[in-house]
Amino acid sequence: MLLNTYNTIILDFIERMVNDGYSESRISRIKVQMNKLLKYLLDNNTNSLNEEIIADFVKETYNFDYYNPINNNQLDKIKYLKNLLEFKATGNYLKKHANIIISNDKFCDVYREYENYLNTKDIKPITKKCKLIKTKLFLNS
Protein backbone atom coordinates (compact mmCIF):
# COMPACT_ATOMS: atom_id res chain seq x y z
CA MET A 1 0.00 0.00 0.00
CA LEU A 2 1.30 3.46 -0.81
CA LEU A 3 1.59 6.41 1.55
CA ASN A 4 -1.17 8.20 -0.40
CA THR A 5 -3.48 5.26 0.31
CA TYR A 6 -2.67 5.45 4.04
CA ASN A 7 -3.29 9.18 3.97
CA THR A 8 -6.67 8.67 2.25
CA ILE A 9 -7.71 6.03 4.80
CA ILE A 10 -6.70 8.30 7.68
CA LEU A 11 -8.49 11.32 6.21
CA ASP A 12 -11.65 9.24 5.69
CA PHE A 13 -11.35 7.90 9.25
CA ILE A 14 -11.04 11.41 10.70
CA GLU A 15 -13.95 12.65 8.58
CA ARG A 16 -16.05 9.80 9.93
CA MET A 17 -15.12 10.71 13.51
CA VAL A 18 -16.10 14.33 12.88
CA ASN A 19 -19.46 13.13 11.50
CA ASP A 20 -19.87 10.89 14.57
CA GLY A 21 -19.68 13.95 16.81
CA TYR A 22 -16.19 13.83 18.30
CA SER A 23 -15.11 17.17 19.73
CA GLU A 24 -12.71 19.48 17.91
CA SER A 25 -10.09 19.05 20.63
CA ARG A 26 -10.29 15.24 20.37
CA ILE A 27 -10.09 15.39 16.57
CA SER A 28 -7.08 17.69 16.87
CA ARG A 29 -5.28 15.19 19.14
CA ILE A 30 -6.16 12.32 16.81
CA LYS A 31 -4.81 14.27 13.82
CA VAL A 32 -1.50 14.79 15.64
CA GLN A 33 -1.30 11.06 16.36
CA MET A 34 -2.18 10.12 12.79
CA ASN A 35 0.45 12.53 11.43
CA LYS A 36 3.01 10.82 13.67
CA LEU A 37 1.86 7.47 12.30
CA LEU A 38 2.19 8.67 8.69
CA LYS A 39 5.69 9.97 9.41
CA TYR A 40 6.58 6.63 11.02
CA LEU A 41 5.31 4.72 7.98
CA LEU A 42 7.26 6.98 5.64
CA ASP A 43 10.47 6.93 7.71
CA ASN A 44 10.36 3.13 7.94
CA ASN A 45 9.41 2.64 4.29
CA THR A 46 6.49 0.51 5.44
CA ASN A 47 4.28 -0.94 2.74
CA SER A 48 1.52 -2.24 5.01
CA LEU A 49 -0.66 -1.01 7.83
CA ASN A 50 -1.53 -3.73 10.32
CA GLU A 51 -1.55 -4.42 14.03
CA GLU A 52 2.11 -5.44 14.10
CA ILE A 53 3.16 -2.17 12.44
CA ILE A 54 0.93 -0.22 14.86
CA ALA A 55 2.48 -2.08 17.83
CA ASP A 56 5.98 -1.14 16.62
CA PHE A 57 4.85 2.46 16.11
CA VAL A 58 3.49 2.62 19.68
CA LYS A 59 6.67 1.13 21.12
CA GLU A 60 8.94 3.54 19.25
CA THR A 61 6.78 6.64 19.54
CA TYR A 62 5.20 6.33 22.99
CA ASN A 63 7.53 3.79 24.65
CA PHE A 64 4.95 1.28 25.88
CA ASP A 65 3.60 -2.10 24.84
CA TYR A 66 0.57 -1.80 22.56
CA TYR A 67 -0.70 -5.19 23.74
CA ASN A 68 -0.34 -4.40 27.46
CA PRO A 69 -1.31 -0.81 28.25
CA ILE A 70 -1.14 -0.08 31.97
CA ASN A 71 -3.01 3.22 32.39
CA ASN A 72 -5.78 5.34 30.90
CA ASN A 73 -3.36 7.56 28.99
CA GLN A 74 -1.96 4.52 27.19
CA LEU A 75 -5.44 3.13 26.55
CA ASP A 76 -6.43 6.47 25.04
CA LYS A 77 -3.42 6.45 22.71
CA ILE A 78 -4.14 2.98 21.33
CA LYS A 79 -7.93 3.30 21.15
CA TYR A 80 -7.93 5.37 17.97
CA LEU A 81 -5.17 3.29 16.42
CA LYS A 82 -7.33 0.21 16.93
CA ASN A 83 -10.31 2.09 15.52
CA LEU A 84 -8.21 3.05 12.50
CA LEU A 85 -7.38 -0.62 11.85
CA GLU A 86 -11.07 -1.54 12.13
CA PHE A 87 -11.98 1.31 9.79
CA LYS A 88 -9.32 0.21 7.28
CA ALA A 89 -10.63 -3.36 7.34
CA THR A 90 -14.37 -2.71 7.35
CA GLY A 91 -15.03 0.94 6.52
CA ASN A 92 -16.44 1.32 10.02
CA TYR A 93 -15.29 1.20 13.61
CA LEU A 94 -16.91 0.22 16.86
CA LYS A 95 -17.08 2.46 19.86
CA LYS A 96 -16.51 -0.22 22.45
CA HIS A 97 -16.99 0.65 26.09
CA ALA A 98 -17.72 -1.88 28.74
CA ASN A 99 -20.50 -1.03 31.14
CA ILE A 100 -18.65 0.02 34.25
CA ILE A 101 -20.37 -0.12 37.60
CA ILE A 102 -19.16 2.01 40.48
CA SER A 103 -18.09 -0.59 43.02
CA ASN A 104 -18.06 1.68 46.07
CA ASP A 105 -21.52 3.00 47.02
CA LYS A 106 -20.14 6.12 48.69
CA PHE A 107 -19.01 7.41 45.27
CA CYS A 108 -22.39 7.03 43.55
CA ASP A 109 -23.57 10.45 44.73
CA VAL A 110 -20.32 12.08 43.59
CA TYR A 111 -20.73 10.48 40.18
CA ARG A 112 -24.35 11.67 39.87
CA GLU A 113 -23.35 15.21 40.85
CA TYR A 114 -20.62 15.21 38.22
CA GLU A 115 -23.03 13.85 35.60
CA ASN A 116 -25.53 16.62 36.47
CA TYR A 117 -22.73 19.17 36.22
CA LEU A 118 -21.78 17.90 32.74
CA ASN A 119 -25.41 18.16 31.68
CA THR A 120 -25.20 21.91 32.29
CA LYS A 121 -22.17 22.28 30.01
CA ASP A 122 -22.23 22.82 26.26
CA ILE A 123 -20.26 19.71 25.28
CA LYS A 124 -20.84 17.06 22.66
CA PRO A 125 -22.49 13.80 23.80
CA ILE A 126 -19.43 11.72 22.94
CA THR A 127 -17.24 14.01 25.08
CA LYS A 128 -19.65 13.69 27.99
CA LYS A 129 -19.71 9.92 27.63
CA CYS A 130 -15.89 9.73 27.63
CA LYS A 131 -15.66 11.95 30.70
CA LEU A 132 -18.20 9.81 32.55
CA ILE A 133 -16.40 6.57 31.67
CA LYS A 134 -13.08 7.97 32.86
CA THR A 135 -14.75 9.15 36.07
CA LYS A 136 -16.17 5.69 36.71
CA LEU A 137 -12.76 4.12 36.13
CA PHE A 138 -11.16 6.64 38.49
CA LEU A 139 -13.76 6.11 41.22
CA ASN A 140 -13.23 2.35 41.00
CA SER A 141 -9.44 2.56 41.28
C-alpha atoms as a PDB file:
ATOM      1  CA  MET A   1       0.000   0.000   0.000  1.00  0.00           C
ATOM      2  CA  LEU A   2       1.303   3.462  -0.808  1.00  0.00           C
ATOM      3  CA  LEU A   3       1.587   6.414   1.551  1.00  0.00           C
ATOM      4  CA  ASN A   4      -1.167   8.203  -0.401  1.00  0.00           C
ATOM      5  CA  THR A   5      -3.480   5.265   0.314  1.00  0.00           C
ATOM      6  CA  TYR A   6      -2.670   5.454   4.042  1.00  0.00           C
ATOM      7  CA  ASN A   7      -3.289   9.177   3.967  1.00  0.00           C
ATOM      8  CA  THR A   8      -6.670   8.671   2.248  1.00  0.00           C
ATOM      9  CA  ILE A   9      -7.708   6.033   4.800  1.00  0.00           C
ATOM     10  CA  ILE A  10      -6.701   8.298   7.685  1.00  0.00           C
ATOM     11  CA  LEU A  11      -8.495  11.320   6.214  1.00  0.00           C
ATOM     12  CA  ASP A  12     -11.655   9.240   5.686  1.00  0.00           C
ATOM     13  CA  PHE A  13     -11.345   7.899   9.250  1.00  0.00           C
ATOM     14  CA  ILE A  14     -11.041  11.409  10.703  1.00  0.00           C
ATOM     15  CA  GLU A  15     -13.953  12.654   8.578  1.00  0.00           C
ATOM     16  CA  ARG A  16     -16.054   9.799   9.933  1.00  0.00           C
ATOM     17  CA  MET A  17     -15.115  10.706  13.512  1.00  0.00           C
ATOM     18  CA  VAL A  18     -16.104  14.332  12.878  1.00  0.00           C
ATOM     19  CA  ASN A  19     -19.460  13.125  11.505  1.00  0.00           C
ATOM     20  CA  ASP A  20     -19.865  10.893  14.567  1.00  0.00           C
ATOM     21  CA  GLY A  21     -19.678  13.951  16.808  1.00  0.00           C
ATOM     22  CA  TYR A  22     -16.194  13.827  18.298  1.00  0.00           C
ATOM     23  CA  SER A  23     -15.110  17.172  19.732  1.00  0.00           C
ATOM     24  CA  GLU A  24     -12.712  19.477  17.910  1.00  0.00           C
ATOM     25  CA  SER A  25     -10.087  19.048  20.631  1.00  0.00           C
ATOM     26  CA  ARG A  26     -10.292  15.239  20.368  1.00  0.00           C
ATOM     27  CA  ILE A  27     -10.093  15.392  16.573  1.00  0.00           C
ATOM     28  CA  SER A  28      -7.080  17.691  16.865  1.00  0.00           C
ATOM     29  CA  ARG A  29      -5.276  15.191  19.144  1.00  0.00           C
ATOM     30  CA  ILE A  30      -6.155  12.323  16.808  1.00  0.00           C
ATOM     31  CA  LYS A  31      -4.810  14.267  13.818  1.00  0.00           C
ATOM     32  CA  VAL A  32      -1.503  14.785  15.638  1.00  0.00           C
ATOM     33  CA  GLN A  33      -1.302  11.063  16.361  1.00  0.00           C
ATOM     34  CA  MET A  34      -2.181  10.123  12.787  1.00  0.00           C
ATOM     35  CA  ASN A  35       0.451  12.525  11.432  1.00  0.00           C
ATOM     36  CA  LYS A  36       3.012  10.816  13.673  1.00  0.00           C
ATOM     37  CA  LEU A  37       1.856   7.471  12.300  1.00  0.00           C
ATOM     38  CA  LEU A  38       2.186   8.668   8.687  1.00  0.00           C
ATOM     39  CA  LYS A  39       5.686   9.970   9.412  1.00  0.00           C
ATOM     40  CA  TYR A  40       6.583   6.632  11.020  1.00  0.00           C
ATOM     41  CA  LEU A  41       5.306   4.723   7.980  1.00  0.00           C
ATOM     42  CA  LEU A  42       7.262   6.981   5.636  1.00  0.00           C
ATOM     43  CA  ASP A  43      10.469   6.926   7.706  1.00  0.00           C
ATOM     44  CA  ASN A  44      10.360   3.133   7.940  1.00  0.00           C
ATOM     45  CA  ASN A  45       9.413   2.641   4.289  1.00  0.00           C
ATOM     46  CA  THR A  46       6.488   0.512   5.437  1.00  0.00           C
ATOM     47  CA  ASN A  47       4.282  -0.945   2.737  1.00  0.00           C
ATOM     48  CA  SER A  48       1.519  -2.237   5.009  1.00  0.00           C
ATOM     49  CA  LEU A  49      -0.657  -1.015   7.833  1.00  0.00           C
ATOM     50  CA  ASN A  50      -1.532  -3.730  10.320  1.00  0.00           C
ATOM     51  CA  GLU A  51      -1.547  -4.419  14.035  1.00  0.00           C
ATOM     52  CA  GLU A  52       2.112  -5.438  14.095  1.00  0.00           C
ATOM     53  CA  ILE A  53       3.158  -2.166  12.444  1.00  0.00           C
ATOM     54  CA  ILE A  54       0.934  -0.218  14.861  1.00  0.00           C
ATOM     55  CA  ALA A  55       2.478  -2.084  17.830  1.00  0.00           C
ATOM     56  CA  ASP A  56       5.983  -1.143  16.619  1.00  0.00           C
ATOM     57  CA  PHE A  57       4.846   2.455  16.113  1.00  0.00           C
ATOM     58  CA  VAL A  58       3.485   2.625  19.676  1.00  0.00           C
ATOM     59  CA  LYS A  59       6.671   1.134  21.124  1.00  0.00           C
ATOM     60  CA  GLU A  60       8.940   3.537  19.248  1.00  0.00           C
ATOM     61  CA  THR A  61       6.778   6.642  19.542  1.00  0.00           C
ATOM     62  CA  TYR A  62       5.203   6.331  22.992  1.00  0.00           C
ATOM     63  CA  ASN A  63       7.527   3.790  24.646  1.00  0.00           C
ATOM     64  CA  PHE A  64       4.948   1.282  25.884  1.00  0.00           C
ATOM     65  CA  ASP A  65       3.600  -2.102  24.836  1.00  0.00           C
ATOM     66  CA  TYR A  66       0.572  -1.801  22.562  1.00  0.00           C
ATOM     67  CA  TYR A  67      -0.700  -5.190  23.740  1.00  0.00           C
ATOM     68  CA  ASN A  68      -0.337  -4.400  27.461  1.00  0.00           C
ATOM     69  CA  PRO A  69      -1.309  -0.806  28.251  1.00  0.00           C
ATOM     70  CA  ILE A  70      -1.139  -0.082  31.973  1.00  0.00           C
ATOM     71  CA  ASN A  71      -3.007   3.222  32.394  1.00  0.00           C
ATOM     72  CA  ASN A  72      -5.777   5.339  30.898  1.00  0.00           C
ATOM     73  CA  ASN A  73      -3.360   7.558  28.985  1.00  0.00           C
ATOM     74  CA  GLN A  74      -1.956   4.523  27.188  1.00  0.00           C
ATOM     75  CA  LEU A  75      -5.440   3.129  26.545  1.00  0.00           C
ATOM     76  CA  ASP A  76      -6.435   6.475  25.039  1.00  0.00           C
ATOM     77  CA  LYS A  77      -3.422   6.453  22.707  1.00  0.00           C
ATOM     78  CA  ILE A  78      -4.142   2.981  21.331  1.00  0.00           C
ATOM     79  CA  LYS A  79      -7.932   3.297  21.147  1.00  0.00           C
ATOM     80  CA  TYR A  80      -7.926   5.372  17.973  1.00  0.00           C
ATOM     81  CA  LEU A  81      -5.172   3.295  16.416  1.00  0.00           C
ATOM     82  CA  LYS A  82      -7.331   0.205  16.926  1.00  0.00           C
ATOM     83  CA  ASN A  83     -10.311   2.090  15.522  1.00  0.00           C
ATOM     84  CA  LEU A  84      -8.211   3.047  12.498  1.00  0.00           C
ATOM     85  CA  LEU A  85      -7.384  -0.619  11.851  1.00  0.00           C
ATOM     86  CA  GLU A  86     -11.068  -1.536  12.128  1.00  0.00           C
ATOM     87  CA  PHE A  87     -11.978   1.309   9.789  1.00  0.00           C
ATOM     88  CA  LYS A  88      -9.323   0.210   7.277  1.00  0.00           C
ATOM     89  CA  ALA A  89     -10.626  -3.364   7.338  1.00  0.00           C
ATOM     90  CA  THR A  90     -14.374  -2.714   7.354  1.00  0.00           C
ATOM     91  CA  GLY A  91     -15.031   0.940   6.519  1.00  0.00           C
ATOM     92  CA  ASN A  92     -16.440   1.322  10.017  1.00  0.00           C
ATOM     93  CA  TYR A  93     -15.287   1.195  13.615  1.00  0.00           C
ATOM     94  CA  LEU A  94     -16.907   0.224  16.857  1.00  0.00           C
ATOM     95  CA  LYS A  95     -17.080   2.464  19.865  1.00  0.00           C
ATOM     96  CA  LYS A  96     -16.506  -0.217  22.449  1.00  0.00           C
ATOM     97  CA  HIS A  97     -16.992   0.652  26.091  1.00  0.00           C
ATOM     98  CA  ALA A  98     -17.716  -1.876  28.743  1.00  0.00           C
ATOM     99  CA  ASN A  99     -20.497  -1.033  31.137  1.00  0.00           C
ATOM    100  CA  ILE A 100     -18.653   0.024  34.247  1.00  0.00           C
ATOM    101  CA  ILE A 101     -20.367  -0.122  37.600  1.00  0.00           C
ATOM    102  CA  ILE A 102     -19.156   2.006  40.483  1.00  0.00           C
ATOM    103  CA  SER A 103     -18.089  -0.589  43.024  1.00  0.00           C
ATOM    104  CA  ASN A 104     -18.059   1.678  46.075  1.00  0.00           C
ATOM    105  CA  ASP A 105     -21.518   3.004  47.021  1.00  0.00           C
ATOM    106  CA  LYS A 106     -20.140   6.118  48.688  1.00  0.00           C
ATOM    107  CA  PHE A 107     -19.008   7.406  45.271  1.00  0.00           C
ATOM    108  CA  CYS A 108     -22.392   7.028  43.550  1.00  0.00           C
ATOM    109  CA  ASP A 109     -23.573  10.454  44.725  1.00  0.00           C
ATOM    110  CA  VAL A 110     -20.318  12.077  43.593  1.00  0.00           C
ATOM    111  CA  TYR A 111     -20.728  10.481  40.183  1.00  0.00           C
ATOM    112  CA  ARG A 112     -24.350  11.666  39.871  1.00  0.00           C
ATOM    113  CA  GLU A 113     -23.354  15.208  40.854  1.00  0.00           C
ATOM    114  CA  TYR A 114     -20.623  15.209  38.221  1.00  0.00           C
ATOM    115  CA  GLU A 115     -23.028  13.851  35.601  1.00  0.00           C
ATOM    116  CA  ASN A 116     -25.526  16.615  36.473  1.00  0.00           C
ATOM    117  CA  TYR A 117     -22.730  19.174  36.216  1.00  0.00           C
ATOM    118  CA  LEU A 118     -21.778  17.895  32.744  1.00  0.00           C
ATOM    119  CA  ASN A 119     -25.413  18.161  31.678  1.00  0.00           C
ATOM    120  CA  THR A 120     -25.200  21.914  32.295  1.00  0.00           C
ATOM    121  CA  LYS A 121     -22.165  22.276  30.011  1.00  0.00           C
ATOM    122  CA  ASP A 122     -22.233  22.815  26.262  1.00  0.00           C
ATOM    123  CA  ILE A 123     -20.261  19.708  25.276  1.00  0.00           C
ATOM    124  CA  LYS A 124     -20.836  17.057  22.656  1.00  0.00           C
ATOM    125  CA  PRO A 125     -22.494  13.801  23.798  1.00  0.00           C
ATOM    126  CA  ILE A 126     -19.427  11.717  22.942  1.00  0.00           C
ATOM    127  CA  THR A 127     -17.241  14.011  25.078  1.00  0.00           C
ATOM    128  CA  LYS A 128     -19.651  13.692  27.986  1.00  0.00           C
ATOM    129  CA  LYS A 129     -19.707   9.922  27.626  1.00  0.00           C
ATOM    130  CA  CYS A 130     -15.890   9.731  27.631  1.00  0.00           C
ATOM    131  CA  LYS A 131     -15.658  11.949  30.699  1.00  0.00           C
ATOM    132  CA  LEU A 132     -18.197   9.811  32.547  1.00  0.00           C
ATOM    133  CA  ILE A 133     -16.404   6.571  31.667  1.00  0.00           C
ATOM    134  CA  LYS A 134     -13.077   7.970  32.857  1.00  0.00           C
ATOM    135  CA  THR A 135     -14.754   9.155  36.068  1.00  0.00           C
ATOM    136  CA  LYS A 136     -16.173   5.690  36.713  1.00  0.00           C
ATOM    137  CA  LEU A 137     -12.761   4.124  36.132  1.00  0.00           C
ATOM    138  CA  PHE A 138     -11.163   6.639  38.493  1.00  0.00           C
ATOM    139  CA  LEU A 139     -13.762   6.114  41.223  1.00  0.00           C
ATOM    140  CA  ASN A 140     -13.227   2.347  41.003  1.00  0.00           C
ATOM    141  CA  SER A 141      -9.435   2.560  41.285  1.00  0.00           C
END
